Each structure stands twice: as structure tokens, then as C-alpha cells.
């Protein structure tokens, strides 16, 4: 999967609840792009500092694979 040195602290606001996860930097970036397109711009952000001890972003691997949206736009 990923090494701890490449992990970032991803913070997500969802319906008034803050959720914190550890994720690889590329997966966090892809998640933020997708999440921000559907929610407000500050709904997901990378927080400075260690991601140690945080749960992994659920289904993180899905954000590492190329994705083609219904309009035919290739992401990643």
C-alpha cells in the first residue's frame, strides 16, 4: 500500500461532523477533488502534521485508480 512517510492527515466535514483519516497524498488529493465537486469547497482539506494513529480513508485504493466520470472526463 503506502508508506507512513507519504501519508497525510485528511479532514472531511460531512453533515456537520468532522471525520479525520490517514491517506496517501495522491488518494487524498483525488478524494478532495471529488468531494469538493459535490460539497462546499472547504469540505475536505489536508491538515498539517502527522497522520499517525488515524484510521485509513475508507476504500482509499479506489481513489488511486483512474476514474472516468459519466461525462467522459478522465481523472488522474
N, C-alpha and C. Protein backbone atom coordinates (compact mmCIF):
# COMPACT_ATOMS: atom_id res chain seq x y z
N UNK A 1 0.86 -1.18 0.00
CA UNK A 1 0.00 0.00 0.00
C UNK A 1 0.90 1.23 0.00
N UNK A 2 0.88 2.03 1.04
CA UNK A 2 1.69 3.25 1.08
C UNK A 2 2.59 3.20 2.30
N UNK A 3 3.62 4.02 2.27
CA UNK A 3 4.48 4.11 3.44
C UNK A 3 3.97 5.21 4.33
N UNK A 4 4.33 5.15 5.60
CA UNK A 4 3.85 6.16 6.54
C UNK A 4 4.35 7.55 6.18
N UNK A 5 5.52 7.64 5.56
CA UNK A 5 6.06 8.96 5.24
C UNK A 5 5.26 9.66 4.16
N UNK A 6 4.52 8.92 3.34
CA UNK A 6 3.73 9.56 2.28
C UNK A 6 2.28 9.80 2.70
N UNK A 7 1.94 9.43 3.93
CA UNK A 7 0.58 9.62 4.40
C UNK A 7 0.35 11.06 4.84
N UNK A 8 -0.88 11.53 4.63
CA UNK A 8 -1.28 12.85 5.07
C UNK A 8 -2.52 12.73 5.95
N UNK A 9 -2.79 13.78 6.71
CA UNK A 9 -3.98 13.84 7.58
C UNK A 9 -5.08 14.52 6.77
N UNK A 10 -6.08 13.77 6.42
CA UNK A 10 -7.21 14.27 5.63
C UNK A 10 -8.38 14.53 6.58
N UNK A 11 -8.89 15.76 6.56
CA UNK A 11 -10.03 16.13 7.40
C UNK A 11 -11.22 16.40 6.50
N UNK A 12 -12.35 15.78 6.83
CA UNK A 12 -13.55 15.88 6.00
C UNK A 12 -14.73 16.32 6.87
N UNK A 13 -15.46 17.34 6.42
CA UNK A 13 -16.70 17.76 7.08
C UNK A 13 -17.85 17.18 6.28
N UNK A 14 -18.70 16.41 6.97
CA UNK A 14 -19.83 15.79 6.31
C UNK A 14 -21.05 15.93 7.21
N UNK A 15 -22.02 16.72 6.78
CA UNK A 15 -23.25 16.95 7.54
C UNK A 15 -22.96 17.40 8.97
N UNK A 16 -22.00 18.32 9.12
CA UNK A 16 -21.69 18.89 10.42
C UNK A 16 -20.80 18.05 11.31
N UNK A 17 -20.30 16.94 10.80
CA UNK A 17 -19.42 16.06 11.57
C UNK A 17 -18.04 16.06 10.93
N UNK A 18 -17.01 16.27 11.76
CA UNK A 18 -15.64 16.22 11.26
C UNK A 18 -15.12 14.80 11.35
N UNK A 19 -14.59 14.31 10.23
CA UNK A 19 -14.01 12.97 10.14
C UNK A 19 -12.54 13.13 9.76
N UNK A 20 -11.65 12.45 10.47
CA UNK A 20 -10.22 12.54 10.20
C UNK A 20 -9.68 11.18 9.79
N UNK A 21 -8.87 11.18 8.72
CA UNK A 21 -8.33 9.94 8.18
C UNK A 21 -6.86 10.11 7.81
N UNK A 22 -6.16 9.00 7.73
CA UNK A 22 -4.84 8.94 7.13
C UNK A 22 -5.04 8.44 5.71
N UNK A 23 -4.32 9.03 4.76
CA UNK A 23 -4.41 8.59 3.37
C UNK A 23 -3.12 8.94 2.66
N UNK A 24 -2.81 8.22 1.60
CA UNK A 24 -1.66 8.60 0.79
C UNK A 24 -1.96 9.96 0.17
N UNK A 25 -0.94 10.73 -0.11
CA UNK A 25 -1.14 12.06 -0.68
C UNK A 25 -1.92 12.02 -1.99
N UNK A 26 -1.60 11.11 -2.93
CA UNK A 26 -2.38 11.07 -4.18
C UNK A 26 -3.86 10.72 -3.95
N UNK A 27 -4.13 9.79 -3.03
CA UNK A 27 -5.52 9.43 -2.75
C UNK A 27 -6.26 10.58 -2.09
N UNK A 28 -5.60 11.29 -1.18
CA UNK A 28 -6.22 12.43 -0.51
C UNK A 28 -6.55 13.52 -1.52
N UNK A 29 -5.64 13.79 -2.45
CA UNK A 29 -5.88 14.81 -3.47
C UNK A 29 -7.08 14.43 -4.35
N UNK A 30 -7.12 13.18 -4.78
CA UNK A 30 -8.23 12.72 -5.63
C UNK A 30 -9.55 12.78 -4.86
N UNK A 31 -9.52 12.38 -3.58
CA UNK A 31 -10.73 12.45 -2.76
C UNK A 31 -11.20 13.90 -2.62
N UNK A 32 -10.27 14.81 -2.34
CA UNK A 32 -10.64 16.22 -2.18
C UNK A 32 -11.26 16.78 -3.46
N UNK A 33 -10.70 16.46 -4.60
CA UNK A 33 -11.25 16.95 -5.86
C UNK A 33 -12.69 16.47 -6.05
N UNK A 34 -12.91 15.19 -5.80
CA UNK A 34 -14.24 14.63 -5.98
C UNK A 34 -15.22 15.17 -4.94
N UNK A 35 -14.78 15.22 -3.69
CA UNK A 35 -15.66 15.67 -2.60
C UNK A 35 -16.02 17.15 -2.76
N UNK A 36 -15.06 17.96 -3.14
CA UNK A 36 -15.31 19.40 -3.32
C UNK A 36 -16.25 19.67 -4.48
N UNK A 37 -16.27 18.80 -5.46
CA UNK A 37 -17.18 18.98 -6.60
C UNK A 37 -18.63 18.75 -6.19
N UNK A 38 -18.84 18.02 -5.10
CA UNK A 38 -20.20 17.68 -4.67
C UNK A 38 -20.64 18.42 -3.41
N UNK A 39 -19.69 18.99 -2.69
CA UNK A 39 -19.98 19.70 -1.44
C UNK A 39 -19.32 21.06 -1.51
N UNK A 40 -19.32 21.81 -0.43
CA UNK A 40 -18.68 23.11 -0.46
C UNK A 40 -17.16 22.97 -0.49
N UNK A 41 -16.49 24.02 -0.91
CA UNK A 41 -15.05 23.96 -1.21
C UNK A 41 -14.18 23.56 -0.01
N UNK A 42 -14.56 23.95 1.19
CA UNK A 42 -13.75 23.63 2.36
C UNK A 42 -14.19 22.34 3.05
N UNK A 43 -14.95 21.51 2.36
CA UNK A 43 -15.48 20.29 2.96
C UNK A 43 -14.40 19.25 3.21
N UNK A 44 -13.29 19.32 2.50
CA UNK A 44 -12.19 18.38 2.69
C UNK A 44 -10.88 19.13 2.54
N UNK A 45 -9.95 18.84 3.45
CA UNK A 45 -8.66 19.51 3.40
C UNK A 45 -7.58 18.63 4.02
N UNK A 46 -6.34 18.89 3.66
CA UNK A 46 -5.20 18.21 4.28
C UNK A 46 -4.73 19.08 5.43
N UNK A 47 -4.62 18.48 6.61
CA UNK A 47 -4.22 19.18 7.82
C UNK A 47 -2.72 18.95 8.04
N UNK A 48 -1.96 20.01 8.31
CA UNK A 48 -0.53 19.82 8.59
C UNK A 48 -0.34 18.93 9.82
N UNK A 49 0.71 18.16 9.79
CA UNK A 49 1.03 17.31 10.93
C UNK A 49 0.93 15.84 10.59
N UNK A 50 1.14 15.05 11.58
CA UNK A 50 1.20 13.60 11.42
C UNK A 50 -0.19 12.98 11.24
N UNK A 51 -0.22 11.92 10.46
CA UNK A 51 -1.46 11.15 10.28
C UNK A 51 -1.40 9.87 11.11
N UNK A 52 -0.37 9.74 11.92
CA UNK A 52 -0.19 8.54 12.71
C UNK A 52 -1.35 8.34 13.68
N UNK A 53 -1.85 7.11 13.74
CA UNK A 53 -2.93 6.76 14.65
C UNK A 53 -4.33 7.00 14.10
N UNK A 54 -4.42 7.65 12.96
CA UNK A 54 -5.74 7.89 12.36
C UNK A 54 -6.18 6.67 11.56
N UNK A 55 -7.48 6.44 11.47
CA UNK A 55 -7.95 5.33 10.61
C UNK A 55 -7.70 5.68 9.15
N UNK A 56 -7.55 4.66 8.33
CA UNK A 56 -7.33 4.86 6.90
C UNK A 56 -8.61 5.39 6.25
N UNK A 57 -8.44 6.16 5.19
CA UNK A 57 -9.57 6.61 4.39
C UNK A 57 -10.27 5.37 3.84
N UNK A 58 -11.57 5.20 4.12
CA UNK A 58 -12.27 4.02 3.61
C UNK A 58 -12.17 3.93 2.08
N UNK A 59 -11.91 2.74 1.59
CA UNK A 59 -11.80 2.49 0.15
C UNK A 59 -10.75 3.38 -0.52
N UNK A 60 -9.69 3.66 0.20
CA UNK A 60 -8.63 4.53 -0.30
C UNK A 60 -8.11 4.10 -1.67
N UNK A 61 -8.00 2.84 -1.89
CA UNK A 61 -7.44 2.35 -3.15
C UNK A 61 -8.26 2.79 -4.36
N UNK A 62 -9.56 3.01 -4.16
CA UNK A 62 -10.41 3.45 -5.26
C UNK A 62 -10.02 4.84 -5.75
N UNK A 63 -9.45 5.64 -4.88
CA UNK A 63 -9.02 6.99 -5.26
C UNK A 63 -7.65 6.99 -5.92
N UNK A 64 -7.01 5.84 -5.98
CA UNK A 64 -5.71 5.72 -6.63
C UNK A 64 -5.82 5.21 -8.06
N UNK A 65 -7.01 4.74 -8.43
CA UNK A 65 -7.23 4.21 -9.77
C UNK A 65 -7.79 5.29 -10.67
N UNK A 66 -7.44 5.30 -11.94
CA UNK A 66 -8.03 6.28 -12.86
C UNK A 66 -9.55 6.15 -12.87
N UNK A 67 -10.21 7.27 -12.95
CA UNK A 67 -11.68 7.30 -12.92
C UNK A 67 -12.18 8.08 -14.11
N UNK A 68 -13.18 7.56 -14.76
CA UNK A 68 -13.80 8.26 -15.87
C UNK A 68 -15.22 8.60 -15.46
N UNK A 69 -15.51 9.90 -15.39
CA UNK A 69 -16.85 10.28 -14.96
C UNK A 69 -17.85 10.11 -16.10
N UNK A 70 -19.15 10.20 -15.78
CA UNK A 70 -20.18 9.96 -16.81
C UNK A 70 -20.09 10.90 -18.00
N UNK A 71 -19.46 12.05 -17.85
CA UNK A 71 -19.32 12.98 -18.97
C UNK A 71 -18.10 12.65 -19.83
N UNK A 72 -17.39 11.59 -19.46
CA UNK A 72 -16.26 11.16 -20.26
C UNK A 72 -14.94 11.83 -19.92
N UNK A 73 -14.87 12.56 -18.81
CA UNK A 73 -13.63 13.23 -18.42
C UNK A 73 -12.78 12.27 -17.62
N UNK A 74 -11.54 12.09 -18.03
CA UNK A 74 -10.60 11.20 -17.35
C UNK A 74 -9.95 11.96 -16.19
N UNK A 75 -10.00 11.38 -14.99
CA UNK A 75 -9.34 11.96 -13.82
C UNK A 75 -8.06 11.20 -13.55
N UNK A 76 -7.09 11.83 -12.95
CA UNK A 76 -5.76 11.30 -12.62
C UNK A 76 -4.91 11.30 -13.86
